[in-house]
Amino acid sequence: MTTRITVSVNGNYKIPVKQGASDPVWVSGRGHAGPNAVDFFPHYHGDGTVFVIGPEEPDDGVVT
């Protein structure tokens, strides 16, 4: 069995998604007419993958 995780962000907000020990991937709604949805997959049931999602913060367009 696989698991698919979808993170969706609206408007001028962004949210970090951290998978295991990797650096976070930022998902932003800035510049999208509707929600920006990003899929993180495949992850297999029982593989021990841990996701940390958030916290959401304003996206002012400045890349840090």
Protein backbone atom coordinates (compact mmCIF):
# COMPACT_ATOMS: atom_id res chain seq x y z
CA MET A 1 0.00 0.00 0.00
CA THR A 2 1.25 3.51 -0.79
CA THR A 3 0.34 6.79 0.81
CA ARG A 4 0.01 10.08 -1.04
CA ILE A 5 0.11 13.32 0.89
CA THR A 6 -1.21 16.49 -0.74
CA VAL A 7 -0.48 19.93 0.69
CA SER A 8 -2.61 22.81 -0.58
CA VAL A 9 -1.97 26.52 0.08
CA ASN A 10 -4.12 29.52 -0.91
CA GLY A 11 -3.23 33.16 -1.38
CA ASN A 12 -0.07 34.81 -0.18
CA TYR A 13 0.84 32.11 2.31
CA LYS A 14 3.51 29.42 2.36
CA ILE A 15 4.04 26.30 4.39
CA PRO A 16 7.13 24.11 4.90
CA VAL A 17 6.91 20.36 4.39
CA LYS A 18 9.79 18.42 5.91
CA GLN A 19 10.20 14.75 5.08
CA GLY A 20 12.44 12.84 7.46
CA ALA A 21 15.87 14.45 7.82
CA SER A 22 15.71 16.32 4.49
CA ASP A 23 15.53 20.11 4.13
CA PRO A 24 11.98 21.47 3.99
CA VAL A 25 10.18 22.02 0.69
CA TRP A 26 8.18 25.25 0.74
CA VAL A 27 4.71 25.18 -0.84
CA SER A 28 3.35 28.63 -1.65
CA GLY A 29 -0.02 29.86 -2.88
CA ARG A 30 1.47 33.14 -4.09
CA GLY A 31 0.79 33.86 -7.78
CA HIS A 32 -1.77 31.07 -8.23
CA ALA A 33 -5.36 31.81 -9.28
CA GLY A 34 -6.58 29.06 -6.97
CA PRO A 35 -5.01 26.74 -4.43
CA ASN A 36 -1.52 25.43 -5.16
CA ALA A 37 -1.62 21.70 -4.42
CA VAL A 38 1.60 19.66 -4.28
CA ASP A 39 1.71 15.87 -3.98
CA PHE A 40 4.38 14.09 -1.96
CA PHE A 41 4.42 10.40 -2.94
CA PRO A 42 4.94 7.46 -3.04
CA HIS A 43 5.58 6.49 0.53
CA TYR A 44 5.09 2.90 1.45
CA HIS A 45 3.08 1.78 4.44
CA GLY A 46 5.42 0.92 7.28
CA ASP A 47 8.57 2.55 5.82
CA GLY A 48 8.85 4.90 8.82
CA THR A 49 8.67 8.13 6.82
CA VAL A 50 7.80 11.08 9.05
CA PHE A 51 6.39 14.34 7.69
CA VAL A 52 6.36 17.66 9.53
CA ILE A 53 4.00 20.17 7.93
CA GLY A 54 3.80 23.81 8.99
CA PRO A 55 3.44 26.25 10.47
CA GLU A 56 1.88 28.41 7.76
CA GLU A 57 3.29 31.90 7.37
CA PRO A 58 2.74 34.92 5.10
CA ASP A 59 4.57 34.79 1.75
CA ASP A 60 5.81 38.27 0.90
CA GLY A 61 7.70 37.01 -2.16
CA VAL A 62 11.15 37.35 -0.58
CA VAL A 63 13.32 34.25 -1.06
CA THR A 64 15.32 33.44 2.06
